[in-house]
PDB file of N, CA and C in Angstrom:
ATOM      1  N   MET A   1     122.110 114.497  89.254  1.00  0.00           N
ATOM      2  CA  MET A   1     122.311 113.917  87.948  1.00  0.00           C
ATOM      3  C   MET A   1     121.184 114.398  87.033  1.00  0.00           C
ATOM      4  N   LYS A   2     121.502 114.580  85.797  1.00  0.00           N
ATOM      5  CA  LYS A   2     120.527 115.060  84.824  1.00  0.00           C
ATOM      6  C   LYS A   2     119.593 113.928  84.380  1.00  0.00           C
ATOM      7  N   THR A   3     118.410 114.304  83.977  1.00  0.00           N
ATOM      8  CA  THR A   3     117.404 113.338  83.554  1.00  0.00           C
ATOM      9  C   THR A   3     117.859 112.569  82.322  1.00  0.00           C
ATOM     10  N   ASN A   4     118.597 113.219  81.445  1.00  0.00           N
ATOM     11  CA  ASN A   4     119.069 112.546  80.229  1.00  0.00           C
ATOM     12  C   ASN A   4     119.933 111.330  80.559  1.00  0.00           C
ATOM     13  N   LYS A   5     120.755 111.443  81.575  1.00  0.00           N
ATOM     14  CA  LYS A   5     121.595 110.313  81.962  1.00  0.00           C
ATOM     15  C   LYS A   5     120.748 109.182  82.522  1.00  0.00           C
ATOM     16  N   PHE A   6     119.689 109.537  83.253  1.00  0.00           N
ATOM     17  CA  PHE A   6     118.795 108.508  83.770  1.00  0.00           C
ATOM     18  C   PHE A   6     118.032 107.831  82.640  1.00  0.00           C
ATOM     19  N   ARG A   7     117.653 108.585  81.620  1.00  0.00           N
ATOM     20  CA  ARG A   7     116.897 108.015  80.496  1.00  0.00           C
ATOM     21  C   ARG A   7     117.720 106.987  79.719  1.00  0.00           C
ATOM     22  N   GLU A   8     119.034 107.113  79.740  1.00  0.00           N
ATOM     23  CA  GLU A   8     119.904 106.183  79.033  1.00  0.00           C
ATOM     24  C   GLU A   8     120.013 104.839  79.748  1.00  0.00           C
ATOM     25  N   MET A   9     119.624 104.791  81.008  1.00  0.00           N
ATOM     26  CA  MET A   9     119.734 103.570  81.801  1.00  0.00           C
ATOM     27  C   MET A   9     118.566 102.631  81.513  1.00  0.00           C
ATOM     28  N   THR A  10     118.809 101.348  81.749  1.00  0.00           N
ATOM     29  CA  THR A  10     117.729 100.369  81.639  1.00  0.00           C
ATOM     30  C   THR A  10     116.884 100.429  82.910  1.00  0.00           C
ATOM     31  N   THR A  11     115.756  99.756  82.882  1.00  0.00           N
ATOM     32  CA  THR A  11     114.863  99.755  84.038  1.00  0.00           C
ATOM     33  C   THR A  11     115.538  99.108  85.246  1.00  0.00           C
ATOM     34  N   GLU A  12     116.291  98.053  85.023  1.00  0.00           N
ATOM     35  CA  GLU A  12     117.001  97.394  86.120  1.00  0.00           C
ATOM     36  C   GLU A  12     118.034  98.335  86.730  1.00  0.00           C
ATOM     37  N   GLU A  13     118.740  99.051  85.884  1.00  0.00           N
ATOM     38  CA  GLU A  13     119.730 100.013  86.378  1.00  0.00           C
ATOM     39  C   GLU A  13     119.052 101.131  87.165  1.00  0.00           C
ATOM     40  N   LEU A  14     117.874 101.551  86.710  1.00  0.00           N
ATOM     41  CA  LEU A  14     117.136 102.587  87.432  1.00  0.00           C
ATOM     42  C   LEU A  14     116.706 102.099  88.811  1.00  0.00           C
ATOM     43  N   ASN A  15     116.263 100.850  88.888  1.00  0.00           N
ATOM     44  CA  ASN A  15     115.888 100.298  90.186  1.00  0.00           C
ATOM     45  C   ASN A  15     117.087 100.226  91.125  1.00  0.00           C
ATOM     46  N   THR A  16     118.233  99.854  90.588  1.00  0.00           N
ATOM     47  CA  THR A  16     119.462  99.816  91.384  1.00  0.00           C
ATOM     48  C   THR A  16     119.841 101.228  91.830  1.00  0.00           C
ATOM     49  N   GLN A  17     119.743 102.166  90.925  1.00  0.00           N
ATOM     50  CA  GLN A  17     120.068 103.558  91.229  1.00  0.00           C
ATOM     51  C   GLN A  17     119.143 104.097  92.323  1.00  0.00           C
ATOM     52  N   GLU A  18     117.867 103.734  92.253  1.00  0.00           N
ATOM     53  CA  GLU A  18     116.908 104.182  93.263  1.00  0.00           C
ATOM     54  C   GLU A  18     117.296 103.658  94.648  1.00  0.00           C
ATOM     55  N   ARG A  19     117.659 102.382  94.721  1.00  0.00           N
ATOM     56  CA  ARG A  19     118.089 101.811  96.004  1.00  0.00           C
ATOM     57  C   ARG A  19     119.331 102.522  96.541  1.00  0.00           C
ATOM     58  N   GLU A  20     120.283 102.808  95.650  1.00  0.00           N
ATOM     59  CA  GLU A  20     121.508 103.498  96.067  1.00  0.00           C
ATOM     60  C   GLU A  20     121.207 104.910  96.562  1.00  0.00           C
ATOM     61  N   LEU A  21     120.318 105.605  95.872  1.00  0.00           N
ATOM     62  CA  LEU A  21     119.960 106.963  96.274  1.00  0.00           C
ATOM     63  C   LEU A  21     119.224 106.972  97.613  1.00  0.00           C
ATOM     64  N   LYS A  22     118.367 105.988  97.833  1.00  0.00           N
ATOM     65  CA  LYS A  22     117.670 105.905  99.116  1.00  0.00           C
ATOM     66  C   LYS A  22     118.644 105.637 100.257  1.00  0.00           C
ATOM     67  N   THR A  23     119.645 104.796 100.000  1.00  0.00           N
ATOM     68  CA  THR A  23     120.668 104.535 101.007  1.00  0.00           C
ATOM     69  C   THR A  23     121.477 105.796 101.286  1.00  0.00           C
ATOM     70  N   GLU A  24     121.817 106.512 100.219  1.00  0.00           N
ATOM     71  CA  GLU A  24     122.558 107.765 100.377  1.00  0.00           C
ATOM     72  C   GLU A  24     121.739 108.785 101.167  1.00  0.00           C
ATOM     73  N   LEU A  25     120.441 108.874 100.874  1.00  0.00           N
ATOM     74  CA  LEU A  25     119.575 109.804 101.588  1.00  0.00           C
ATOM     75  C   LEU A  25     119.506 109.450 103.070  1.00  0.00           C
ATOM     76  N   PHE A  26     119.416 108.166 103.376  1.00  0.00           N
ATOM     77  CA  PHE A  26     119.410 107.734 104.768  1.00  0.00           C
ATOM     78  C   PHE A  26     120.684 108.183 105.475  1.00  0.00           C
ATOM     79  N   ASN A  27     121.821 107.962 104.815  1.00  0.00           N
ATOM     80  CA  ASN A  27     123.101 108.354 105.407  1.00  0.00           C
ATOM     81  C   ASN A  27     123.204 109.871 105.567  1.00  0.00           C
ATOM     82  N   LEU A  28     122.709 110.611 104.577  1.00  0.00           N
ATOM     83  CA  LEU A  28     122.734 112.070 104.670  1.00  0.00           C
ATOM     84  C   LEU A  28     121.875 112.564 105.825  1.00  0.00           C
ATOM     85  N   ARG A  29     120.700 111.959 105.994  1.00  0.00           N
ATOM     86  CA  ARG A  29     119.830 112.353 107.108  1.00  0.00           C
ATOM     87  C   ARG A  29     120.483 112.029 108.449  1.00  0.00           C
ATOM     88  N   PHE A  30     121.164 110.904 108.509  1.00  0.00           N
ATOM     89  CA  PHE A  30     121.859 110.531 109.736  1.00  0.00           C
ATOM     90  C   PHE A  30     122.954 111.547 110.043  1.00  0.00           C
ATOM     91  N   GLN A  31     123.718 111.918 109.032  1.00  0.00           N
ATOM     92  CA  GLN A  31     124.777 112.921 109.211  1.00  0.00           C
ATOM     93  C   GLN A  31     124.194 114.265 109.615  1.00  0.00           C
ATOM     94  N   LEU A  32     123.056 114.624 109.041  1.00  0.00           N
ATOM     95  CA  LEU A  32     122.402 115.889 109.377  1.00  0.00           C
ATOM     96  C   LEU A  32     121.975 115.903 110.843  1.00  0.00           C
ATOM     97  N   ALA A  33     121.440 114.783 111.297  1.00  0.00           N
ATOM     98  CA  ALA A  33     120.974 114.695 112.681  1.00  0.00           C
ATOM     99  C   ALA A  33     122.125 114.760 113.674  1.00  0.00           C
ATOM    100  N   THR A  34     123.270 114.223 113.289  1.00  0.00           N
ATOM    101  CA  THR A  34     124.424 114.228 114.190  1.00  0.00           C
ATOM    102  C   THR A  34     125.296 115.458 114.016  1.00  0.00           C
ATOM    103  N   GLY A  35     124.947 116.317 113.062  1.00  0.00           N
ATOM    104  CA  GLY A  35     125.701 117.551 112.858  1.00  0.00           C
ATOM    105  C   GLY A  35     126.990 117.382 112.082  1.00  0.00           C
ATOM    106  N   GLN A  36     127.122 116.294 111.334  1.00  0.00           N
ATOM    107  CA  GLN A  36     128.354 116.032 110.593  1.00  0.00           C
ATOM    108  C   GLN A  36     128.225 116.304 109.097  1.00  0.00           C
ATOM    109  N   LEU A  37     127.069 116.764 108.662  1.00  0.00           N
ATOM    110  CA  LEU A  37     126.832 116.964 107.228  1.00  0.00           C
ATOM    111  C   LEU A  37     127.529 118.226 106.756  1.00  0.00           C
ATOM    112  N   ALA A  38     128.390 118.079 105.745  1.00  0.00           N
ATOM    113  CA  ALA A  38     129.149 119.211 105.224  1.00  0.00           C
ATOM    114  C   ALA A  38     128.327 120.043 104.238  1.00  0.00           C
ATOM    115  N   ASN A  39     127.486 119.373 103.436  1.00  0.00           N
ATOM    116  CA  ASN A  39     126.727 120.062 102.404  1.00  0.00           C
ATOM    117  C   ASN A  39     125.236 119.736 102.555  1.00  0.00           C
ATOM    118  N   PRO A  40     124.479 120.550 103.273  1.00  0.00           N
ATOM    119  CA  PRO A  40     123.053 120.272 103.476  1.00  0.00           C
ATOM    120  C   PRO A  40     122.236 120.282 102.184  1.00  0.00           C
ATOM    121  N   GLN A  41     122.714 120.959 101.168  1.00  0.00           N
ATOM    122  CA  GLN A  41     122.016 121.019  99.880  1.00  0.00           C
ATOM    123  C   GLN A  41     121.951 119.645  99.220  1.00  0.00           C
ATOM    124  N   ARG A  42     122.877 118.773  99.555  1.00  0.00           N
ATOM    125  CA  ARG A  42     122.917 117.436  98.951  1.00  0.00           C
ATOM    126  C   ARG A  42     121.660 116.628  99.291  1.00  0.00           C
ATOM    127  N   VAL A  43     121.054 116.875 100.444  1.00  0.00           N
ATOM    128  CA  VAL A  43     119.823 116.183 100.827  1.00  0.00           C
ATOM    129  C   VAL A  43     118.728 116.507  99.807  1.00  0.00           C
ATOM    130  N   LYS A  44     118.595 117.760  99.478  1.00  0.00           N
ATOM    131  CA  LYS A  44     117.580 118.199  98.515  1.00  0.00           C
ATOM    132  C   LYS A  44     117.851 117.600  97.133  1.00  0.00           C
ATOM    133  N   GLU A  45     119.104 117.611  96.711  1.00  0.00           N
ATOM    134  CA  GLU A  45     119.465 117.051  95.408  1.00  0.00           C
ATOM    135  C   GLU A  45     119.153 115.558  95.353  1.00  0.00           C
ATOM    136  N   CYS A  46     119.443 114.862  96.427  1.00  0.00           N
ATOM    137  CA  CYS A  46     119.212 113.422  96.487  1.00  0.00           C
ATOM    138  C   CYS A  46     117.722 113.115  96.389  1.00  0.00           C
ATOM    139  N   LYS A  47     116.893 113.885  97.083  1.00  0.00           N
ATOM    140  CA  LYS A  47     115.440 113.692  97.014  1.00  0.00           C
ATOM    141  C   LYS A  47     114.928 113.903  95.595  1.00  0.00           C
ATOM    142  N   LYS A  48     115.440 114.924  94.930  1.00  0.00           N
ATOM    143  CA  LYS A  48     115.007 115.201  93.561  1.00  0.00           C
ATOM    144  C   LYS A  48     115.448 114.102  92.602  1.00  0.00           C
ATOM    145  N   ASP A  49     116.652 113.558  92.806  1.00  0.00           N
ATOM    146  CA  ASP A  49     117.122 112.459  91.969  1.00  0.00           C
ATOM    147  C   ASP A  49     116.237 111.224  92.149  1.00  0.00           C
ATOM    148  N   ILE A  50     115.834 110.948  93.385  1.00  0.00           N
ATOM    149  CA  ILE A  50     114.945 109.820  93.639  1.00  0.00           C
ATOM    150  C   ILE A  50     113.624 110.031  92.904  1.00  0.00           C
ATOM    151  N   ALA A  51     113.100 111.239  92.954  1.00  0.00           N
ATOM    152  CA  ALA A  51     111.848 111.541  92.267  1.00  0.00           C
ATOM    153  C   ALA A  51     112.000 111.380  90.757  1.00  0.00           C
ATOM    154  N   ARG A  52     113.115 111.801  90.212  1.00  0.00           N
ATOM    155  CA  ARG A  52     113.348 111.653  88.771  1.00  0.00           C
ATOM    156  C   ARG A  52     113.363 110.183  88.371  1.00  0.00           C
ATOM    157  N   VAL A  53     114.067 109.380  89.165  1.00  0.00           N
ATOM    158  CA  VAL A  53     114.170 107.949  88.860  1.00  0.00           C
ATOM    159  C   VAL A  53     112.798 107.293  88.946  1.00  0.00           C
ATOM    160  N   LYS A  54     112.044 107.606  89.992  1.00  0.00           N
ATOM    161  CA  LYS A  54     110.709 107.019  90.141  1.00  0.00           C
ATOM    162  C   LYS A  54     109.788 107.429  88.997  1.00  0.00           C
ATOM    163  N   THR A  55     109.910 108.667  88.553  1.00  0.00           N
ATOM    164  CA  THR A  55     109.091 109.146  87.441  1.00  0.00           C
ATOM    165  C   THR A  55     109.408 108.374  86.165  1.00  0.00           C
ATOM    166  N   LEU A  56     110.677 108.163  85.886  1.00  0.00           N
ATOM    167  CA  LEU A  56     111.060 107.423  84.684  1.00  0.00           C
ATOM    168  C   LEU A  56     110.601 105.968  84.748  1.00  0.00           C
ATOM    169  N   ILE A  57     110.706 105.359  85.915  1.00  0.00           N
ATOM    170  CA  ILE A  57     110.249 103.981  86.077  1.00  0.00           C
ATOM    171  C   ILE A  57     108.747 103.907  85.804  1.00  0.00           C
ATOM    172  N   ARG A  58     108.012 104.854  86.352  1.00  0.00           N
ATOM    173  CA  ARG A  58     106.556 104.882  86.162  1.00  0.00           C
ATOM    174  C   ARG A  58     106.193 105.122  84.697  1.00  0.00           C
ATOM    175  N   GLU A  59     106.913 106.015  84.016  1.00  0.00           N
ATOM    176  CA  GLU A  59     106.668 106.253  82.592  1.00  0.00           C
ATOM    177  C   GLU A  59     106.835 104.965  81.794  1.00  0.00           C
ATOM    178  N   ARG A  60     107.873 104.220  82.115  1.00  0.00           N
ATOM    179  CA  ARG A  60     108.131 102.970  81.392  1.00  0.00           C
ATOM    180  C   ARG A  60     107.054 101.929  81.683  1.00  0.00           C
ATOM    181  N   GLU A  61     106.576 101.897  82.931  1.00  0.00           N
ATOM    182  CA  GLU A  61     105.491 100.977  83.267  1.00  0.00           C
ATOM    183  C   GLU A  61     104.241 101.312  82.466  1.00  0.00           C
ATOM    184  N   LEU A  62     103.917 102.585  82.366  1.00  0.00           N
ATOM    185  CA  LEU A  62     102.727 102.998  81.638  1.00  0.00           C
ATOM    186  C   LEU A  62     102.853 102.705  80.148  1.00  0.00           C
ATOM    187  N   LYS A  63     104.049 102.874  79.591  1.00  0.00           N
ATOM    188  CA  LYS A  63     104.265 102.552  78.173  1.00  0.00           C
ATOM    189  C   LYS A  63     104.060 101.062  77.931  1.00  0.00           C
ATOM    190  N   ALA A  64     104.562 100.247  78.858  1.00  0.00           N
ATOM    191  CA  ALA A  64     104.429  98.802  78.706  1.00  0.00           C
ATOM    192  C   ALA A  64     102.974  98.356  78.780  1.00  0.00           C
ATOM    193  N   VAL A  65     102.202  98.995  79.635  1.00  0.00           N
ATOM    194  CA  VAL A  65     100.790  98.649  79.783  1.00  0.00           C
ATOM    195  C   VAL A  65      99.988  99.084  78.561  1.00  0.00           C
ATOM    196  N   SER A  66     100.316 100.234  78.017  1.00  0.00           N
ATOM    197  CA  SER A  66      99.555 100.770  76.873  1.00  0.00           C
ATOM    198  C   SER A  66      99.824  99.996  75.586  1.00  0.00           C
ATOM    199  N   LYS A  67     100.909  99.273  75.526  1.00  0.00           N
ATOM    200  CA  LYS A  67     101.241  98.532  74.290  1.00  0.00           C
ATOM    201  C   LYS A  67     100.501  97.234  74.197  1.00  0.00           C
TER     202      LYS A  67
END
């Protein structure tokens, strides 16, 4: 998912999205270990999406503190 779409979300939605992505990553890793994963590239994409979400959450925290 693109960063612009994440920026449109509220902080609560971002936290929910982060939990969903972590669950998806867990499932992808499980599939990878059992040899059932169809698209191994999805693991990398999921990790990057988690990083994007965490970065946006942190940016918002810093803005709130600086105000």
